[in-house]
Amino acid sequence: MANAAEGGSSDIVTQLVGAVDTSMLVGTVTSLGLVAVSVKWGEKGI
């Protein structure tokens, strides 16, 4: 609310989402998913 009073978008959700850096999010989630699947396949292989 304080940031909205200063100027810019008045929607707090837009401000909060805009403040989050999602550039590495897709790569991180994908790599964690691949690790989880690999571990599960390793268990099944044993």
All heavy atoms as atom14 arrays in JSON, in Angstrom:
{
  "sequence": "MANAAEGGSSDIVTQLVGAVDTSMLVGTVTSLGLVAVSVKWGEKGI",
  "atom14_mask": [
    [1, 1, 1, 1, 1, 1, 1, 1, 0, 0, 0, 0, 0, 0],
    [1, 1, 1, 1, 1, 0, 0, 0, 0, 0, 0, 0, 0, 0],
    [1, 1, 1, 1, 1, 1, 1, 1, 0, 0, 0, 0, 0, 0],
    [1, 1, 1, 1, 1, 0, 0, 0, 0, 0, 0, 0, 0, 0],
    [1, 1, 1, 1, 1, 0, 0, 0, 0, 0, 0, 0, 0, 0],
    [1, 1, 1, 1, 1, 1, 1, 1, 1, 0, 0, 0, 0, 0],
    [1, 1, 1, 1, 0, 0, 0, 0, 0, 0, 0, 0, 0, 0],
    [1, 1, 1, 1, 0, 0, 0, 0, 0, 0, 0, 0, 0, 0],
    [1, 1, 1, 1, 1, 1, 0, 0, 0, 0, 0, 0, 0, 0],
    [1, 1, 1, 1, 1, 1, 0, 0, 0, 0, 0, 0, 0, 0],
    [1, 1, 1, 1, 1, 1, 1, 1, 0, 0, 0, 0, 0, 0],
    [1, 1, 1, 1, 1, 1, 1, 1, 0, 0, 0, 0, 0, 0],
    [1, 1, 1, 1, 1, 1, 1, 0, 0, 0, 0, 0, 0, 0],
    [1, 1, 1, 1, 1, 1, 1, 0, 0, 0, 0, 0, 0, 0],
    [1, 1, 1, 1, 1, 1, 1, 1, 1, 0, 0, 0, 0, 0],
    [1, 1, 1, 1, 1, 1, 1, 1, 0, 0, 0, 0, 0, 0],
    [1, 1, 1, 1, 1, 1, 1, 0, 0, 0, 0, 0, 0, 0],
    [1, 1, 1, 1, 0, 0, 0, 0, 0, 0, 0, 0, 0, 0],
    [1, 1, 1, 1, 1, 0, 0, 0, 0, 0, 0, 0, 0, 0],
    [1, 1, 1, 1, 1, 1, 1, 0, 0, 0, 0, 0, 0, 0],
    [1, 1, 1, 1, 1, 1, 1, 1, 0, 0, 0, 0, 0, 0],
    [1, 1, 1, 1, 1, 1, 1, 0, 0, 0, 0, 0, 0, 0],
    [1, 1, 1, 1, 1, 1, 0, 0, 0, 0, 0, 0, 0, 0],
    [1, 1, 1, 1, 1, 1, 1, 1, 0, 0, 0, 0, 0, 0],
    [1, 1, 1, 1, 1, 1, 1, 1, 0, 0, 0, 0, 0, 0],
    [1, 1, 1, 1, 1, 1, 1, 0, 0, 0, 0, 0, 0, 0],
    [1, 1, 1, 1, 0, 0, 0, 0, 0, 0, 0, 0, 0, 0],
    [1, 1, 1, 1, 1, 1, 1, 0, 0, 0, 0, 0, 0, 0],
    [1, 1, 1, 1, 1, 1, 1, 0, 0, 0, 0, 0, 0, 0],
    [1, 1, 1, 1, 1, 1, 1, 0, 0, 0, 0, 0, 0, 0],
    [1, 1, 1, 1, 1, 1, 0, 0, 0, 0, 0, 0, 0, 0],
    [1, 1, 1, 1, 1, 1, 1, 1, 0, 0, 0, 0, 0, 0],
    [1, 1, 1, 1, 0, 0, 0, 0, 0, 0, 0, 0, 0, 0],
    [1, 1, 1, 1, 1, 1, 1, 1, 0, 0, 0, 0, 0, 0],
    [1, 1, 1, 1, 1, 1, 1, 0, 0, 0, 0, 0, 0, 0],
    [1, 1, 1, 1, 1, 0, 0, 0, 0, 0, 0, 0, 0, 0],
    [1, 1, 1, 1, 1, 1, 1, 0, 0, 0, 0, 0, 0, 0],
    [1, 1, 1, 1, 1, 1, 0, 0, 0, 0, 0, 0, 0, 0],
    [1, 1, 1, 1, 1, 1, 1, 0, 0, 0, 0, 0, 0, 0],
    [1, 1, 1, 1, 1, 1, 1, 1, 1, 0, 0, 0, 0, 0],
    [1, 1, 1, 1, 1, 1, 1, 1, 1, 1, 1, 1, 1, 1],
    [1, 1, 1, 1, 0, 0, 0, 0, 0, 0, 0, 0, 0, 0],
    [1, 1, 1, 1, 1, 1, 1, 1, 1, 0, 0, 0, 0, 0],
    [1, 1, 1, 1, 1, 1, 1, 1, 1, 0, 0, 0, 0, 0],
    [1, 1, 1, 1, 0, 0, 0, 0, 0, 0, 0, 0, 0, 0],
    [1, 1, 1, 1, 1, 1, 1, 1, 0, 0, 0, 0, 0, 0]
  ],
  "atom14_positions": [
    [[0.83, -1.2, 0.0], [0.0, 0.0, 0.0], [0.87, 1.25, 0.0], [0.55, 2.23, -0.67], [-0.93, 0.0, 1.21], [-2.05, -0.97, 1.13], [-3.02, -0.86, 2.65], [-4.39, -1.89, 2.23], [0.0, 0.0, 0.0], [0.0, 0.0, 0.0], [0.0, 0.0, 0.0], [0.0, 0.0, 0.0], [0.0, 0.0, 0.0], [0.0, 0.0, 0.0]],
    [[1.96, 1.23, 0.75], [2.85, 2.39, 0.78], [3.49, 2.61, -0.58], [3.62, 3.75, -1.04], [3.91, 2.2, 1.85], [0.0, 0.0, 0.0], [0.0, 0.0, 0.0], [0.0, 0.0, 0.0], [0.0, 0.0, 0.0], [0.0, 0.0, 0.0], [0.0, 0.0, 0.0], [0.0, 0.0, 0.0], [0.0, 0.0, 0.0], [0.0, 0.0, 0.0]],
    [[3.88, 1.52, -1.23], [4.47, 1.64, -2.56], [3.44, 2.12, -3.57], [3.76, 2.86, -4.49], [5.07, 0.32, -3.01], [6.31, -0.04, -2.24], [6.97, 0.83, -1.68], [6.64, -1.32, -2.21], [0.0, 0.0, 0.0], [0.0, 0.0, 0.0], [0.0, 0.0, 0.0], [0.0, 0.0, 0.0], [0.0, 0.0, 0.0], [0.0, 0.0, 0.0]],
    [[2.21, 1.68, -3.42], [1.16, 2.1, -4.34], [0.87, 3.59, -4.18], [0.53, 4.27, -5.14], [-0.11, 1.28, -4.1], [0.0, 0.0, 0.0], [0.0, 0.0, 0.0], [0.0, 0.0, 0.0], [0.0, 0.0, 0.0], [0.0, 0.0, 0.0], [0.0, 0.0, 0.0], [0.0, 0.0, 0.0], [0.0, 0.0, 0.0], [0.0, 0.0, 0.0]],
    [[0.98, 4.09, -2.97], [0.72, 5.51, -2.74], [1.78, 6.38, -3.41], [1.51, 7.51, -3.79], [0.67, 5.79, -1.24], [0.0, 0.0, 0.0], [0.0, 0.0, 0.0], [0.0, 0.0, 0.0], [0.0, 0.0, 0.0], [0.0, 0.0, 0.0], [0.0, 0.0, 0.0], [0.0, 0.0, 0.0], [0.0, 0.0, 0.0], [0.0, 0.0, 0.0]],
    [[2.99, 5.83, -3.57], [4.07, 6.59, -4.18], [3.87, 6.72, -5.69], [4.33, 7.66, -6.3], [5.41, 5.92, -3.9], [5.8, 5.97, -2.45], [7.08, 5.2, -2.19], [7.7, 4.69, -3.15], [7.46, 5.1, -1.02], [0.0, 0.0, 0.0], [0.0, 0.0, 0.0], [0.0, 0.0, 0.0], [0.0, 0.0, 0.0], [0.0, 0.0, 0.0]],
    [[3.24, 5.78, -6.3], [3.01, 5.83, -7.74], [3.11, 4.45, -8.34], [3.39, 3.47, -7.66], [0.0, 0.0, 0.0], [0.0, 0.0, 0.0], [0.0, 0.0, 0.0], [0.0, 0.0, 0.0], [0.0, 0.0, 0.0], [0.0, 0.0, 0.0], [0.0, 0.0, 0.0], [0.0, 0.0, 0.0], [0.0, 0.0, 0.0], [0.0, 0.0, 0.0]],
    [[2.87, 4.35, -9.62], [2.91, 3.06, -10.29], [1.55, 2.39, -10.22], [0.53, 3.03, -10.06], [0.0, 0.0, 0.0], [0.0, 0.0, 0.0], [0.0, 0.0, 0.0], [0.0, 0.0, 0.0], [0.0, 0.0, 0.0], [0.0, 0.0, 0.0], [0.0, 0.0, 0.0], [0.0, 0.0, 0.0], [0.0, 0.0, 0.0], [0.0, 0.0, 0.0]],
    [[1.56, 1.09, -10.31], [0.32, 0.33, -10.29], [-0.27, 0.32, -8.89], [0.43, 0.2, -7.9], [0.6, -1.1, -10.75], [-0.58, -1.87, -10.66], [0.0, 0.0, 0.0], [0.0, 0.0, 0.0], [0.0, 0.0, 0.0], [0.0, 0.0, 0.0], [0.0, 0.0, 0.0], [0.0, 0.0, 0.0], [0.0, 0.0, 0.0], [0.0, 0.0, 0.0]],
    [[-1.57, 0.44, -8.81], [-2.22, 0.46, -7.5], [-2.63, -0.94, -7.05], [-3.1, -1.11, -5.94], [-3.46, 1.36, -7.55], [-4.39, 0.85, -8.49], [0.0, 0.0, 0.0], [0.0, 0.0, 0.0], [0.0, 0.0, 0.0], [0.0, 0.0, 0.0], [0.0, 0.0, 0.0], [0.0, 0.0, 0.0], [0.0, 0.0, 0.0], [0.0, 0.0, 0.0]],
    [[-2.45, -1.94, -7.9], [-2.82, -3.31, -7.57], [-1.66, -3.98, -6.83], [-0.56, -4.1, -7.36], [-3.16, -4.07, -8.84], [-3.67, -5.46, -8.56], [-4.07, -5.73, -7.42], [-3.67, -6.28, -9.5], [0.0, 0.0, 0.0], [0.0, 0.0, 0.0], [0.0, 0.0, 0.0], [0.0, 0.0, 0.0], [0.0, 0.0, 0.0], [0.0, 0.0, 0.0]],
    [[-1.91, -4.41, -5.6], [-0.84, -4.99, -4.78], [-0.36, -6.32, -5.34], [0.83, -6.64, -5.27], [-1.29, -5.13, -3.31], [-0.1, -5.53, -2.46], [-2.4, -6.13, -3.17], [-0.35, -5.41, -0.99], [0.0, 0.0, 0.0], [0.0, 0.0, 0.0], [0.0, 0.0, 0.0], [0.0, 0.0, 0.0], [0.0, 0.0, 0.0], [0.0, 0.0, 0.0]],
    [[-1.26, -7.1, -5.94], [-0.87, -8.39, -6.5], [0.1, -8.17, -7.66], [1.11, -8.87, -7.79], [-2.11, -9.17, -6.95], [-1.72, -10.47, -7.65], [-3.02, -9.46, -5.77], [0.0, 0.0, 0.0], [0.0, 0.0, 0.0], [0.0, 0.0, 0.0], [0.0, 0.0, 0.0], [0.0, 0.0, 0.0], [0.0, 0.0, 0.0], [0.0, 0.0, 0.0]],
    [[-0.17, -7.18, -8.49], [0.73, -6.88, -9.61], [2.1, -6.45, -9.1], [3.12, -6.85, -9.65], [0.13, -5.75, -10.47], [-1.19, -6.14, -10.88], [0.97, -5.49, -11.69], [0.0, 0.0, 0.0], [0.0, 0.0, 0.0], [0.0, 0.0, 0.0], [0.0, 0.0, 0.0], [0.0, 0.0, 0.0], [0.0, 0.0, 0.0], [0.0, 0.0, 0.0]],
    [[2.13, -5.69, -8.04], [3.4, -5.25, -7.47], [4.19, -6.42, -6.89], [5.4, -6.53, -7.09], [3.17, -4.21, -6.39], [2.7, -2.89, -6.93], [2.42, -1.91, -5.81], [2.45, -2.25, -4.64], [2.14, -0.67, -6.18], [0.0, 0.0, 0.0], [0.0, 0.0, 0.0], [0.0, 0.0, 0.0], [0.0, 0.0, 0.0], [0.0, 0.0, 0.0]],
    [[3.51, -7.3, -6.15], [4.2, -8.43, -5.54], [4.71, -9.41, -6.59], [5.83, -9.91, -6.48], [3.28, -9.14, -4.55], [2.95, -8.37, -3.28], [1.94, -9.13, -2.45], [4.2, -8.1, -2.48], [0.0, 0.0, 0.0], [0.0, 0.0, 0.0], [0.0, 0.0, 0.0], [0.0, 0.0, 0.0], [0.0, 0.0, 0.0], [0.0, 0.0, 0.0]],
    [[3.9, -9.68, -7.61], [4.33, -10.59, -8.67], [5.46, -9.96, -9.47], [6.39, -10.64, -9.89], [3.13, -10.96, -9.58], [3.59, -11.72, -10.8], [2.13, -11.79, -8.8], [0.0, 0.0, 0.0], [0.0, 0.0, 0.0], [0.0, 0.0, 0.0], [0.0, 0.0, 0.0], [0.0, 0.0, 0.0], [0.0, 0.0, 0.0], [0.0, 0.0, 0.0]],
    [[5.41, -8.66, -9.68], [6.46, -7.98, -10.41], [7.77, -7.95, -9.66], [8.84, -7.87, -10.26], [0.0, 0.0, 0.0], [0.0, 0.0, 0.0], [0.0, 0.0, 0.0], [0.0, 0.0, 0.0], [0.0, 0.0, 0.0], [0.0, 0.0, 0.0], [0.0, 0.0, 0.0], [0.0, 0.0, 0.0], [0.0, 0.0, 0.0], [0.0, 0.0, 0.0]],
    [[7.72, -8.04, -8.35], [8.93, -8.01, -7.54], [9.65, -9.35, -7.51], [10.82, -9.43, -7.14], [8.59, -7.58, -6.12], [0.0, 0.0, 0.0], [0.0, 0.0, 0.0], [0.0, 0.0, 0.0], [0.0, 0.0, 0.0], [0.0, 0.0, 0.0], [0.0, 0.0, 0.0], [0.0, 0.0, 0.0], [0.0, 0.0, 0.0], [0.0, 0.0, 0.0]],
    [[8.99, -10.43, -7.91], [9.58, -11.76, -7.88], [10.34, -12.01, -9.18], [9.8, -11.82, -10.27], [8.48, -12.83, -7.69], [9.06, -14.23, -7.77], [7.78, -12.63, -6.37], [0.0, 0.0, 0.0], [0.0, 0.0, 0.0], [0.0, 0.0, 0.0], [0.0, 0.0, 0.0], [0.0, 0.0, 0.0], [0.0, 0.0, 0.0], [0.0, 0.0, 0.0]],
    [[11.59, -12.42, -9.06], [12.4, -12.74, -10.23], [12.19, -14.19, -10.61], [12.56, -15.1, -9.86], [13.88, -12.48, -9.92], [14.77, -12.74, -11.12], [14.26, -12.66, -12.25], [15.96, -13.02, -10.91], [0.0, 0.0, 0.0], [0.0, 0.0, 0.0], [0.0, 0.0, 0.0], [0.0, 0.0, 0.0], [0.0, 0.0, 0.0], [0.0, 0.0, 0.0]],
    [[11.57, -14.45, -11.75], [11.25, -15.81, -12.17], [12.16, -16.3, -13.29], [11.85, -17.28, -13.94], [9.78, -15.89, -12.64], [9.59, -14.95, -13.71], [8.82, -15.59, -11.53], [0.0, 0.0, 0.0], [0.0, 0.0, 0.0], [0.0, 0.0, 0.0], [0.0, 0.0, 0.0], [0.0, 0.0, 0.0], [0.0, 0.0, 0.0], [0.0, 0.0, 0.0]],
    [[13.28, -15.65, -13.5], [14.15, -16.04, -14.61], [14.75, -17.43, -14.41], [14.94, -18.16, -15.38], [15.25, -15.0, -14.81], [16.04, -14.91, -13.64], [0.0, 0.0, 0.0], [0.0, 0.0, 0.0], [0.0, 0.0, 0.0], [0.0, 0.0, 0.0], [0.0, 0.0, 0.0], [0.0, 0.0, 0.0], [0.0, 0.0, 0.0], [0.0, 0.0, 0.0]],
    [[15.06, -17.79, -13.19], [15.67, -19.1, -12.93], [14.66, -20.14, -12.43], [15.02, -21.28, -12.19], [16.78, -18.95, -11.89], [17.94, -18.09, -12.34], [18.82, -18.78, -13.74], [19.55, -20.21, -12.99], [0.0, 0.0, 0.0], [0.0, 0.0, 0.0], [0.0, 0.0, 0.0], [0.0, 0.0, 0.0], [0.0, 0.0, 0.0], [0.0, 0.0, 0.0]],
    [[13.42, -19.74, -12.29], [12.42, -20.63, -11.69], [12.17, -21.86, -12.54], [12.14, -22.98, -12.02], [11.11, -19.86, -11.48], [9.98, -20.63, -10.83], [10.37, -21.0, -9.4], [8.71, -19.82, -10.83], [0.0, 0.0, 0.0], [0.0, 0.0, 0.0], [0.0, 0.0, 0.0], [0.0, 0.0, 0.0], [0.0, 0.0, 0.0], [0.0, 0.0, 0.0]],
    [[12.01, -21.71, -13.83], [11.7, -22.84, -14.7], [12.85, -23.85, -14.71], [12.63, -25.05, -14.58], [11.38, -22.35, -16.13], [11.19, -23.52, -17.07], [10.15, -21.48, -16.13], [0.0, 0.0, 0.0], [0.0, 0.0, 0.0], [0.0, 0.0, 0.0], [0.0, 0.0, 0.0], [0.0, 0.0, 0.0], [0.0, 0.0, 0.0], [0.0, 0.0, 0.0]],
    [[14.06, -23.37, -14.82], [15.21, -24.26, -14.81], [15.37, -25.0, -13.5], [15.69, -26.19, -13.48], [0.0, 0.0, 0.0], [0.0, 0.0, 0.0], [0.0, 0.0, 0.0], [0.0, 0.0, 0.0], [0.0, 0.0, 0.0], [0.0, 0.0, 0.0], [0.0, 0.0, 0.0], [0.0, 0.0, 0.0], [0.0, 0.0, 0.0], [0.0, 0.0, 0.0]],
    [[15.14, -24.3, -12.4], [15.26, -24.93, -11.08], [14.21, -26.01, -10.88], [14.52, -27.12, -10.43], [15.13, -23.86, -9.98], [16.11, -22.85, -10.2], [15.32, -24.48, -8.61], [0.0, 0.0, 0.0], [0.0, 0.0, 0.0], [0.0, 0.0, 0.0], [0.0, 0.0, 0.0], [0.0, 0.0, 0.0], [0.0, 0.0, 0.0], [0.0, 0.0, 0.0]],
    [[12.97, -25.71, -11.22], [11.89, -26.69, -11.04], [12.11, -27.89, -11.94], [11.92, -29.05, -11.53], [10.52, -26.03, -11.31], [9.41, -27.06, -11.39], [10.21, -25.0, -10.25], [0.0, 0.0, 0.0], [0.0, 0.0, 0.0], [0.0, 0.0, 0.0], [0.0, 0.0, 0.0], [0.0, 0.0, 0.0], [0.0, 0.0, 0.0], [0.0, 0.0, 0.0]],
    [[12.55, -27.65, -13.18], [12.81, -28.75, -14.1], [13.94, -29.64, -13.59], [13.83, -30.87, -13.62], [13.16, -28.2, -15.49], [12.1, -27.36, -15.94], [13.36, -29.32, -16.49], [0.0, 0.0, 0.0], [0.0, 0.0, 0.0], [0.0, 0.0, 0.0], [0.0, 0.0, 0.0], [0.0, 0.0, 0.0], [0.0, 0.0, 0.0], [0.0, 0.0, 0.0]],
    [[15.02, -29.04, -13.12], [16.14, -29.85, -12.64], [15.77, -30.64, -11.4], [16.16, -31.8, -11.25], [17.36, -28.98, -12.38], [17.09, -28.04, -11.37], [0.0, 0.0, 0.0], [0.0, 0.0, 0.0], [0.0, 0.0, 0.0], [0.0, 0.0, 0.0], [0.0, 0.0, 0.0], [0.0, 0.0, 0.0], [0.0, 0.0, 0.0], [0.0, 0.0, 0.0]],
    [[15.0, -30.04, -10.49], [14.56, -30.79, -9.31], [13.64, -31.94, -9.7], [13.7, -33.03, -9.11], [13.84, -29.85, -8.33], [14.74, -28.85, -7.6], [13.88, -27.91, -6.75], [15.75, -29.56, -6.73], [0.0, 0.0, 0.0], [0.0, 0.0, 0.0], [0.0, 0.0, 0.0], [0.0, 0.0, 0.0], [0.0, 0.0, 0.0], [0.0, 0.0, 0.0]],
    [[12.79, -31.72, -10.68], [11.92, -32.79, -11.17], [12.71, -33.93, -11.78], [12.41, -35.11, -11.56], [0.0, 0.0, 0.0], [0.0, 0.0, 0.0], [0.0, 0.0, 0.0], [0.0, 0.0, 0.0], [0.0, 0.0, 0.0], [0.0, 0.0, 0.0], [0.0, 0.0, 0.0], [0.0, 0.0, 0.0], [0.0, 0.0, 0.0], [0.0, 0.0, 0.0]],
    [[13.74, -33.6, -12.57], [14.58, -34.64, -13.17], [15.33, -35.43, -12.11], [15.47, -36.66, -12.23], [15.57, -34.01, -14.15], [14.97, -33.53, -15.47], [16.02, -32.82, -16.29], [14.4, -34.7, -16.25], [0.0, 0.0, 0.0], [0.0, 0.0, 0.0], [0.0, 0.0, 0.0], [0.0, 0.0, 0.0], [0.0, 0.0, 0.0], [0.0, 0.0, 0.0]],
    [[15.8, -34.78, -11.09], [16.49, -35.48, -10.0], [15.53, -36.44, -9.3], [15.86, -37.6, -9.03], [17.11, -34.48, -9.0], [17.55, -35.18, -7.73], [18.26, -33.75, -9.64], [0.0, 0.0, 0.0], [0.0, 0.0, 0.0], [0.0, 0.0, 0.0], [0.0, 0.0, 0.0], [0.0, 0.0, 0.0], [0.0, 0.0, 0.0], [0.0, 0.0, 0.0]],
    [[14.32, -35.98, -9.02], [13.33, -36.83, -8.34], [12.98, -38.05, -9.18], [12.91, -39.18, -8.67], [12.09, -36.02, -8.02], [0.0, 0.0, 0.0], [0.0, 0.0, 0.0], [0.0, 0.0, 0.0], [0.0, 0.0, 0.0], [0.0, 0.0, 0.0], [0.0, 0.0, 0.0], [0.0, 0.0, 0.0], [0.0, 0.0, 0.0], [0.0, 0.0, 0.0]],
    [[12.77, -37.85, -10.47], [12.43, -38.97, -11.36], [13.61, -39.93, -11.47], [13.42, -41.16, -11.47], [12.0, -38.44, -12.74], [11.9, -39.55, -13.77], [10.67, -37.71, -12.63], [0.0, 0.0, 0.0], [0.0, 0.0, 0.0], [0.0, 0.0, 0.0], [0.0, 0.0, 0.0], [0.0, 0.0, 0.0], [0.0, 0.0, 0.0], [0.0, 0.0, 0.0]],
    [[14.82, -39.4, -11.55], [16.01, -40.26, -11.65], [16.18, -41.13, -10.41], [16.51, -42.31, -10.51], [17.25, -39.41, -11.85], [17.15, -38.67, -13.04], [0.0, 0.0, 0.0], [0.0, 0.0, 0.0], [0.0, 0.0, 0.0], [0.0, 0.0, 0.0], [0.0, 0.0, 0.0], [0.0, 0.0, 0.0], [0.0, 0.0, 0.0], [0.0, 0.0, 0.0]],
    [[15.95, -40.55, -9.25], [16.06, -41.32, -8.01], [15.02, -42.43, -7.98], [15.31, -43.58, -7.62], [15.92, -40.39, -6.77], [15.72, -41.2, -5.51], [17.13, -39.49, -6.65], [0.0, 0.0, 0.0], [0.0, 0.0, 0.0], [0.0, 0.0, 0.0], [0.0, 0.0, 0.0], [0.0, 0.0, 0.0], [0.0, 0.0, 0.0], [0.0, 0.0, 0.0]],
    [[13.81, -42.11, -8.39], [12.75, -43.13, -8.39], [13.07, -44.24, -9.38], [12.86, -45.42, -9.09], [11.41, -42.46, -8.74], [10.24, -43.35, -8.51], [10.13, -43.75, -7.05], [8.92, -44.61, -6.8], [8.88, -45.13, -5.46], [0.0, 0.0, 0.0], [0.0, 0.0, 0.0], [0.0, 0.0, 0.0], [0.0, 0.0, 0.0], [0.0, 0.0, 0.0]],
    [[13.57, -43.9, -10.57], [13.95, -44.92, -11.54], [15.11, -45.76, -11.02], [15.18, -46.96, -11.29], [14.32, -44.28, -12.87], [13.13, -43.9, -13.71], [11.82, -44.12, -13.42], [13.16, -43.21, -14.95], [11.03, -43.6, -14.4], [11.83, -43.04, -15.35], [14.17, -42.71, -15.74], [11.49, -42.4, -16.53], [13.83, -42.08, -16.92], [12.51, -41.93, -17.32]],
    [[16.02, -45.15, -10.3], [17.13, -45.89, -9.71], [16.63, -46.92, -8.71], [17.12, -48.06, -8.67], [0.0, 0.0, 0.0], [0.0, 0.0, 0.0], [0.0, 0.0, 0.0], [0.0, 0.0, 0.0], [0.0, 0.0, 0.0], [0.0, 0.0, 0.0], [0.0, 0.0, 0.0], [0.0, 0.0, 0.0], [0.0, 0.0, 0.0], [0.0, 0.0, 0.0]],
    [[15.66, -46.53, -7.9], [15.07, -47.47, -6.94], [14.37, -48.62, -7.65], [14.49, -49.78, -7.25], [14.09, -46.74, -6.03], [14.72, -45.76, -5.08], [13.69, -44.97, -4.29], [12.47, -45.17, -4.52], [14.1, -44.14, -3.47], [0.0, 0.0, 0.0], [0.0, 0.0, 0.0], [0.0, 0.0, 0.0], [0.0, 0.0, 0.0], [0.0, 0.0, 0.0]],
    [[13.65, -48.29, -8.7], [12.95, -49.34, -9.45], [13.94, -50.28, -10.12], [13.71, -51.48, -10.22], [12.02, -48.72, -10.52], [10.83, -48.02, -9.95], [9.86, -49.02, -9.36], [8.63, -48.3, -8.86], [7.69, -49.21, -8.25], [0.0, 0.0, 0.0], [0.0, 0.0, 0.0], [0.0, 0.0, 0.0], [0.0, 0.0, 0.0], [0.0, 0.0, 0.0]],
    [[15.06, -49.73, -10.6], [16.08, -50.55, -11.24], [16.69, -51.54, -10.28], [16.93, -52.7, -10.63], [0.0, 0.0, 0.0], [0.0, 0.0, 0.0], [0.0, 0.0, 0.0], [0.0, 0.0, 0.0], [0.0, 0.0, 0.0], [0.0, 0.0, 0.0], [0.0, 0.0, 0.0], [0.0, 0.0, 0.0], [0.0, 0.0, 0.0], [0.0, 0.0, 0.0]],
    [[16.96, -51.12, -9.05], [17.51, -52.01, -8.03], [16.53, -53.13, -7.73], [16.9, -54.31, -7.65], [17.86, -51.21, -6.76], [19.04, -50.28, -7.03], [18.17, -52.15, -5.6], [19.32, -49.3, -5.91], [0.0, 0.0, 0.0], [0.0, 0.0, 0.0], [0.0, 0.0, 0.0], [0.0, 0.0, 0.0], [0.0, 0.0, 0.0], [0.0, 0.0, 0.0]]
  ]
}
